[in-house]
Amino acid sequence: MRPFARKSASAVTDQAITRFWAWWEEARPELDTLASAADNDKPTEVIASAVSAIHPDLAVEVSSGLLARHSLTVTAAGDPELRSTAHRWARSAPEGDGTWEFYPSRQPILGAVELTLDADGRELALDQMLLGLRVPRDRPRLDVAAYHPVFEDIGDDERMEATLLALDSLLGEDEVARWIGEITTAAFPPIDAVAAAHLPAVVNDLASGYEDGQWSLLEGRTEDGSKIVAVARMPLRQVDHPLFDQHIAITLPYTHASEEGLPAEPSLSALNGFEERLNAEVDAQRDEAVVVVHMSLAGRRLIHVYADPAADVPPRLKKLVGTWTEGRAQMDVGDDPGWIAISPFLS
């Protein structure tokens, strides 16, 4: 098992975030003055320079706030490996006041359908945007094909940039990450297209089918032909647990197996009992960790857990792992903010 004393990437990030908010406190009078001007570019430039010390790929936006005069958003801009950094930045922010409020992702805009966006120098009115919508089979996603009359006169990159901005305005960045799948643009109206204004209602309808959470049974084979049986959360998305970027992999060898290497009695009952205790432990700290996938193959059960590094979850799980009696159990702990270790199971 990897040593817990190792300084994680999140700990280094937390230090950079602490330095940012110390800078913010000192720079606040100047930032208030800059933000009071009509032009948001200058405060954005100043703040972006300080944010880059946390990570150079974080995006910064200053705009009118919902509850305060000004909104400061520091976002991962769609990069799942940076999402936890943006959320840690927001978690450490001072309490919002009448001047500033803070967000780790772009928020939906009230009355977004009335907006006019800039698309390569052309005006793009959202009330003229049409969307072709399709729900792929067995996926909690909505594929979107966007059309706007302006698209006939601009390039592919500009179309996509305008479409992404429109989706963020209508749904908010996190909801786009949760529910929107493939995004394409079209030079002609898609068949059975609907007005963009209807997108939030369609997404809400899709989401209502997954309110309680589900588990999905999956089967496959390794490169050498060994059978794999896996059970994964459905939907399974990193955006639902943005602070859980610590990956805990538990490997349990089992003694009794079928010809295909899958667990047989009495090992199967022992594994089920272990997972019941593991789930009880994790459920007791629901805001700190989540069990996402477990799979059986070639005489071993592999369980994936993701946790908030600040919660110190591994020592508690280590005690449980130590109770396994069918061979030497293993627990590996590492940083995985993009949930790369379980990417084939993400939905």
Protein backbone atom coordinates (compact mmCIF):
# COMPACT_ATOMS: atom_id res chain seq x y z
CA MET A 1 0.00 0.00 0.00
CA ARG A 2 1.30 3.45 -0.84
CA PRO A 3 2.29 5.56 2.18
CA PHE A 4 -0.32 8.04 3.37
CA ALA A 5 2.35 10.62 4.20
CA ARG A 6 3.09 11.26 0.54
CA LYS A 7 2.23 14.84 -0.38
CA SER A 8 -0.67 14.61 -2.83
CA ALA A 9 -1.23 16.87 -5.80
CA SER A 10 -4.37 18.19 -4.10
CA ALA A 11 -2.32 19.29 -1.08
CA VAL A 12 -0.02 21.29 -3.34
CA THR A 13 -3.06 22.80 -5.04
CA ASP A 14 -4.60 23.71 -1.67
CA GLN A 15 -1.47 25.67 -0.80
CA ALA A 16 -1.70 27.60 -4.08
CA ILE A 17 -5.38 28.31 -3.42
CA THR A 18 -4.56 29.61 0.06
CA ARG A 19 -2.01 31.99 -1.45
CA PHE A 20 -4.58 33.18 -4.00
CA TRP A 21 -7.13 34.12 -1.35
CA ALA A 22 -4.44 35.92 0.67
CA TRP A 23 -3.66 37.90 -2.49
CA TRP A 24 -7.37 38.52 -3.05
CA GLU A 25 -7.74 40.09 0.39
CA GLU A 26 -4.89 42.49 -0.33
CA ALA A 27 -6.00 43.28 -3.88
CA ARG A 28 -9.71 43.60 -3.07
CA PRO A 29 -9.88 47.45 -3.01
CA GLU A 30 -8.24 47.68 -6.44
CA LEU A 31 -10.43 44.88 -7.84
CA ASP A 32 -13.60 46.55 -6.54
CA THR A 33 -12.61 49.74 -8.35
CA LEU A 34 -11.76 47.95 -11.59
CA ALA A 35 -14.97 45.93 -11.52
CA SER A 36 -17.10 49.03 -10.97
CA ALA A 37 -16.10 50.21 -14.46
CA ALA A 38 -18.22 49.05 -17.37
CA ASP A 39 -15.38 47.01 -18.90
CA ASN A 40 -14.87 43.55 -17.35
CA ASP A 41 -11.67 42.87 -19.27
CA LYS A 42 -9.30 44.65 -16.87
CA PRO A 43 -10.35 42.89 -13.63
CA THR A 44 -10.46 39.61 -15.52
CA GLU A 45 -6.85 40.08 -16.67
CA VAL A 46 -5.63 40.94 -13.17
CA ILE A 47 -7.45 38.03 -11.53
CA ALA A 48 -6.46 35.58 -14.27
CA SER A 49 -2.81 36.36 -13.65
CA ALA A 50 -3.20 35.38 -10.00
CA VAL A 51 -5.32 32.30 -10.79
CA SER A 52 -2.66 31.02 -13.19
CA ALA A 53 -0.45 30.34 -10.15
CA ILE A 54 -3.03 27.71 -9.11
CA HIS A 55 -3.09 26.22 -12.61
CA PRO A 56 -2.44 27.94 -15.94
CA ASP A 57 -5.35 26.21 -17.68
CA LEU A 58 -8.08 27.48 -15.37
CA ALA A 59 -10.40 29.98 -17.05
CA VAL A 60 -11.54 33.20 -15.36
CA GLU A 61 -14.72 35.14 -16.03
CA VAL A 62 -16.01 38.32 -14.40
CA SER A 63 -19.64 39.18 -15.03
CA SER A 64 -22.76 40.56 -13.34
CA GLY A 65 -23.73 38.48 -10.34
CA LEU A 66 -27.01 36.82 -9.43
CA LEU A 67 -27.06 38.05 -5.83
CA ALA A 68 -24.06 40.39 -5.83
CA ARG A 69 -22.98 43.14 -8.20
CA HIS A 70 -20.14 41.05 -9.61
CA SER A 71 -19.64 37.35 -10.22
CA LEU A 72 -16.20 35.72 -10.32
CA THR A 73 -16.10 32.30 -11.95
CA VAL A 74 -12.96 30.16 -12.01
CA THR A 75 -13.73 27.15 -14.17
CA ALA A 76 -12.02 24.03 -15.50
CA ALA A 77 -13.57 24.92 -18.88
CA GLY A 78 -14.60 21.33 -19.53
CA ASP A 79 -11.36 19.67 -18.38
CA PRO A 80 -12.40 16.95 -15.87
CA GLU A 81 -8.90 16.78 -14.40
CA LEU A 82 -9.16 20.42 -13.32
CA ARG A 83 -12.74 20.35 -12.04
CA SER A 84 -11.72 19.46 -8.48
CA THR A 85 -9.23 22.35 -8.48
CA ALA A 86 -11.95 24.82 -9.44
CA HIS A 87 -14.29 23.46 -6.77
CA ARG A 88 -11.56 23.60 -4.10
CA TRP A 89 -10.95 27.20 -5.07
CA ALA A 90 -14.66 27.98 -4.62
CA ARG A 91 -14.88 26.01 -1.35
CA SER A 92 -12.10 28.19 0.08
CA ALA A 93 -13.68 31.45 -1.09
CA PRO A 94 -14.85 34.04 1.43
CA GLU A 95 -18.57 34.31 1.97
CA GLY A 96 -20.25 36.23 -0.81
CA ASP A 97 -21.28 39.80 -0.08
CA GLY A 98 -23.09 42.53 -1.95
CA THR A 99 -20.09 43.10 -4.21
CA TRP A 100 -18.73 39.65 -5.14
CA GLU A 101 -19.98 36.07 -5.43
CA PHE A 102 -17.88 33.07 -6.47
CA TYR A 103 -18.53 30.01 -8.67
CA PRO A 104 -16.44 27.00 -9.80
CA SER A 105 -18.34 26.64 -13.09
CA ARG A 106 -20.39 28.75 -15.47
CA GLN A 107 -23.91 29.21 -14.13
CA PRO A 108 -27.11 29.13 -16.20
CA ILE A 109 -28.28 32.60 -17.15
CA LEU A 110 -31.80 33.65 -16.28
CA GLY A 111 -33.61 34.45 -19.50
CA ALA A 112 -30.72 33.03 -21.54
CA VAL A 113 -32.93 32.54 -24.59
CA GLU A 114 -33.09 36.34 -24.91
CA LEU A 115 -29.30 36.62 -25.16
CA THR A 116 -27.38 37.61 -28.26
CA LEU A 117 -23.94 36.02 -28.49
CA ASP A 118 -20.98 36.97 -30.63
CA ALA A 119 -20.08 34.35 -33.25
CA ASP A 120 -16.99 35.38 -35.19
CA GLY A 121 -18.23 38.96 -35.33
CA ARG A 122 -21.80 37.96 -36.18
CA GLU A 123 -24.76 38.36 -33.84
CA LEU A 124 -26.24 35.04 -32.75
CA ALA A 125 -29.65 35.39 -31.11
CA LEU A 126 -30.39 32.35 -28.97
CA ASP A 127 -34.10 32.56 -29.71
CA GLN A 128 -33.24 31.58 -33.29
CA MET A 129 -31.17 28.51 -32.36
CA LEU A 130 -32.65 25.09 -33.09
CA LEU A 131 -31.51 21.81 -31.55
CA GLY A 132 -31.80 18.26 -32.78
CA LEU A 133 -31.98 16.07 -29.67
CA ARG A 134 -31.42 12.32 -29.36
CA VAL A 135 -31.09 10.02 -26.35
CA PRO A 136 -28.61 7.20 -27.14
CA ARG A 137 -29.75 3.75 -26.10
CA ASP A 138 -28.84 2.80 -22.53
CA ARG A 139 -26.98 6.06 -21.91
CA PRO A 140 -28.02 8.85 -19.54
CA ARG A 141 -27.05 11.45 -22.11
CA LEU A 142 -28.63 13.75 -24.66
CA ASP A 143 -26.84 14.14 -28.00
CA VAL A 144 -27.25 17.62 -29.44
CA ALA A 145 -27.05 18.87 -33.03
CA ALA A 146 -27.23 22.68 -33.05
CA TYR A 147 -28.32 24.93 -35.91
CA HIS A 148 -28.51 28.71 -36.25
CA PRO A 149 -28.94 30.77 -39.43
CA VAL A 150 -25.59 32.41 -38.68
CA PHE A 151 -23.88 29.00 -38.96
CA GLU A 152 -24.20 29.14 -42.73
CA ASP A 153 -21.71 32.02 -42.77
CA ILE A 154 -19.09 31.01 -40.19
CA GLY A 155 -16.53 28.21 -39.83
CA ASP A 156 -16.80 24.93 -37.95
CA ASP A 157 -14.70 26.07 -34.99
CA GLU A 158 -16.75 29.22 -34.56
CA ARG A 159 -19.99 27.22 -34.74
CA MET A 160 -18.83 24.87 -32.02
CA GLU A 161 -17.59 27.69 -29.79
CA ALA A 162 -20.94 29.46 -30.08
CA THR A 163 -22.85 26.23 -29.43
CA LEU A 164 -20.88 25.44 -26.28
CA LEU A 165 -21.42 28.97 -24.99
CA ALA A 166 -25.14 28.67 -25.73
CA LEU A 167 -25.43 25.34 -23.89
CA ASP A 168 -23.58 26.71 -20.86
CA SER A 169 -25.88 29.74 -20.84
CA LEU A 170 -29.02 27.60 -21.03
CA LEU A 171 -28.04 24.81 -18.61
CA GLY A 172 -24.91 25.82 -16.74
CA GLU A 173 -21.53 24.20 -17.27
CA ASP A 174 -22.00 21.35 -14.77
CA GLU A 175 -25.38 20.32 -16.17
CA VAL A 176 -23.85 20.20 -19.64
CA ALA A 177 -21.15 17.88 -18.28
CA ARG A 178 -23.80 15.70 -16.59
CA TRP A 179 -26.39 15.29 -19.30
CA ILE A 180 -25.08 16.37 -22.70
CA GLY A 181 -23.31 13.73 -24.78
CA GLU A 182 -22.12 14.25 -28.35
CA ILE A 183 -22.32 17.84 -29.57
CA THR A 184 -22.35 18.65 -33.28
CA THR A 185 -23.28 21.66 -35.37
CA ALA A 186 -25.26 21.77 -38.61
CA ALA A 187 -25.47 24.15 -41.57
CA PHE A 188 -29.14 23.19 -42.02
CA PRO A 189 -31.95 22.68 -39.48
CA PRO A 190 -31.95 19.10 -38.07
CA ILE A 191 -35.04 16.97 -38.58
CA ASP A 192 -37.52 17.33 -35.70
CA ALA A 193 -35.48 20.17 -34.21
CA VAL A 194 -36.82 22.09 -31.21
CA ALA A 195 -36.16 25.64 -30.08
CA ALA A 196 -33.17 25.98 -27.77
CA ALA A 197 -35.48 27.38 -25.10
CA HIS A 198 -36.88 23.87 -24.56
CA LEU A 199 -33.52 22.28 -23.72
CA PRO A 200 -33.70 22.72 -19.90
CA ALA A 201 -37.11 21.03 -19.80
CA VAL A 202 -35.89 18.10 -21.90
CA VAL A 203 -32.83 17.66 -19.68
CA ASN A 204 -34.99 17.79 -16.54
CA ASP A 205 -37.18 15.05 -17.98
CA LEU A 206 -34.14 12.88 -18.73
CA ALA A 207 -32.66 13.48 -15.28
CA SER A 208 -35.90 12.51 -13.54
CA GLY A 209 -35.32 8.89 -14.59
CA TYR A 210 -32.07 8.71 -12.61
CA GLU A 211 -32.94 10.51 -9.38
CA ASP A 212 -32.47 7.45 -7.17
CA GLY A 213 -29.31 6.15 -8.81
CA GLN A 214 -28.87 2.72 -10.33
CA TRP A 215 -26.26 0.00 -10.75
CA SER A 216 -25.44 -1.56 -14.11
CA LEU A 217 -24.21 -5.15 -14.63
CA LEU A 218 -21.54 -5.46 -17.33
CA GLU A 219 -19.69 -8.43 -18.78
CA GLY A 220 -16.64 -8.67 -20.99
CA ARG A 221 -13.29 -10.36 -21.53
CA THR A 222 -9.66 -9.37 -21.10
CA GLU A 223 -7.12 -9.53 -23.93
CA ASP A 224 -6.18 -13.05 -22.86
CA GLY A 225 -9.82 -14.15 -22.93
CA SER A 226 -10.53 -14.14 -19.19
CA LYS A 227 -14.11 -13.27 -18.32
CA ILE A 228 -14.87 -10.04 -16.43
CA VAL A 229 -18.08 -9.29 -14.56
CA ALA A 230 -18.43 -5.69 -13.35
CA VAL A 231 -21.06 -3.68 -11.52
CA ALA A 232 -20.91 0.12 -11.94
CA ARG A 233 -22.97 3.05 -10.81
CA MET A 234 -25.33 4.45 -13.40
CA PRO A 235 -24.99 7.30 -14.13
CA LEU A 236 -21.27 7.40 -13.26
CA ARG A 237 -19.76 10.85 -13.71
CA GLN A 238 -16.94 12.72 -12.04
CA VAL A 239 -18.90 15.98 -12.16
CA ASP A 240 -21.27 14.58 -9.50
CA HIS A 241 -18.35 14.28 -7.04
CA PRO A 242 -15.96 17.07 -8.07
CA LEU A 243 -13.87 16.96 -4.90
CA PHE A 244 -13.34 13.18 -4.99
CA ASP A 245 -10.03 13.03 -6.83
CA GLN A 246 -8.30 10.47 -4.61
CA HIS A 247 -8.51 6.98 -6.11
CA ILE A 248 -8.56 4.01 -3.72
CA ALA A 249 -8.25 0.61 -5.43
CA ILE A 250 -8.92 -2.44 -3.24
CA THR A 251 -7.92 -5.88 -4.55
CA LEU A 252 -9.24 -9.00 -2.82
CA PRO A 253 -7.98 -12.41 -3.95
CA TYR A 254 -10.54 -15.17 -3.42
CA THR A 255 -9.96 -18.88 -2.88
CA HIS A 256 -13.01 -20.47 -4.50
CA ALA A 257 -13.55 -19.70 -8.19
CA SER A 258 -15.37 -21.08 -11.19
CA GLU A 259 -13.56 -22.38 -14.27
CA GLU A 260 -13.75 -18.84 -15.67
CA GLY A 261 -12.15 -17.33 -12.57
CA LEU A 262 -15.33 -15.81 -11.13
CA PRO A 263 -16.12 -16.15 -7.41
CA ALA A 264 -17.87 -19.30 -6.21
CA GLU A 265 -19.16 -20.27 -2.76
CA PRO A 266 -18.09 -19.78 -0.06
CA SER A 267 -15.87 -16.99 -1.45
CA LEU A 268 -18.87 -15.30 -3.07
CA SER A 269 -20.61 -14.91 0.28
CA ALA A 270 -17.40 -13.63 1.86
CA LEU A 271 -17.03 -11.00 -0.89
CA ASN A 272 -20.64 -9.92 -0.56
CA GLY A 273 -20.21 -9.57 3.19
CA PHE A 274 -17.07 -7.48 2.74
CA GLU A 275 -18.81 -5.17 0.29
CA GLU A 276 -21.75 -4.73 2.65
CA ARG A 277 -19.34 -3.56 5.35
CA LEU A 278 -17.48 -1.36 2.86
CA ASN A 279 -20.70 0.25 1.64
CA ALA A 280 -21.79 0.85 5.23
CA GLU A 281 -18.46 2.52 5.99
CA VAL A 282 -18.58 4.71 2.89
CA ASP A 283 -22.28 5.55 3.31
CA ALA A 284 -21.47 6.78 6.80
CA GLN A 285 -19.15 9.33 5.19
CA ARG A 286 -21.25 10.06 2.12
CA ASP A 287 -19.77 13.54 1.68
CA GLU A 288 -16.24 12.13 1.74
CA ALA A 289 -16.18 9.05 -0.52
CA VAL A 290 -18.14 6.91 -2.97
CA VAL A 291 -17.86 3.31 -4.19
CA VAL A 292 -18.15 3.48 -7.98
CA VAL A 293 -17.21 0.13 -9.58
CA HIS A 294 -16.38 -3.41 -8.56
CA MET A 295 -15.31 -6.19 -10.88
CA SER A 296 -14.39 -9.86 -10.65
CA LEU A 297 -11.87 -11.62 -12.86
CA ALA A 298 -9.17 -14.26 -12.69
CA GLY A 299 -9.60 -15.03 -9.00
CA ARG A 300 -9.72 -11.49 -7.63
CA ARG A 301 -12.26 -8.78 -6.85
CA LEU A 302 -11.21 -5.20 -7.65
CA ILE A 303 -13.18 -2.40 -5.97
CA HIS A 304 -12.80 1.27 -6.95
CA VAL A 305 -13.50 4.03 -4.44
CA TYR A 306 -13.05 7.78 -4.92
CA ALA A 307 -12.63 10.12 -1.96
CA ASP A 308 -11.94 13.69 -0.96
CA PRO A 309 -8.23 13.75 -0.04
CA ALA A 310 -8.97 16.19 2.76
CA ALA A 311 -11.20 13.62 4.49
CA ASP A 312 -8.43 11.10 5.31
CA VAL A 313 -10.51 8.13 4.15
CA PRO A 314 -7.74 5.55 3.38
CA PRO A 315 -6.77 4.81 7.02
CA ARG A 316 -10.39 3.91 7.80
CA LEU A 317 -10.70 1.64 4.79
CA LYS A 318 -7.33 0.06 5.52
CA LYS A 319 -8.72 -1.38 8.75
CA LEU A 320 -11.54 -3.04 6.85
CA VAL A 321 -9.21 -4.37 4.16
CA GLY A 322 -7.11 -5.92 6.91
CA THR A 323 -10.03 -8.15 7.89
CA TRP A 324 -9.94 -10.08 4.58
CA THR A 325 -8.80 -13.67 5.14
CA GLU A 326 -8.69 -15.25 1.66
CA GLY A 327 -5.20 -14.28 0.63
CA ARG A 328 -3.32 -11.01 0.91
CA ALA A 329 -5.57 -8.02 0.20
CA GLN A 330 -4.06 -4.90 -1.36
CA MET A 331 -5.05 -1.25 -1.25
CA ASP A 332 -3.48 1.35 -3.56
CA VAL A 333 -4.06 5.07 -3.11
CA GLY A 334 -3.29 7.75 -5.69
CA ASP A 335 -4.41 10.99 -7.31
CA ASP A 336 -6.88 10.61 -10.18
CA PRO A 337 -8.87 13.86 -10.61
CA GLY A 338 -10.09 12.84 -14.08
CA TRP A 339 -11.22 9.37 -12.94
CA ILE A 340 -8.99 7.91 -15.64
CA ALA A 341 -8.69 4.57 -13.83
CA ILE A 342 -12.39 3.86 -14.45
CA SER A 343 -12.85 5.76 -17.71
CA PRO A 344 -14.40 2.75 -19.56
CA PHE A 345 -17.27 2.83 -17.04
CA LEU A 346 -18.06 6.55 -17.15
CA SER A 347 -21.51 7.27 -18.50
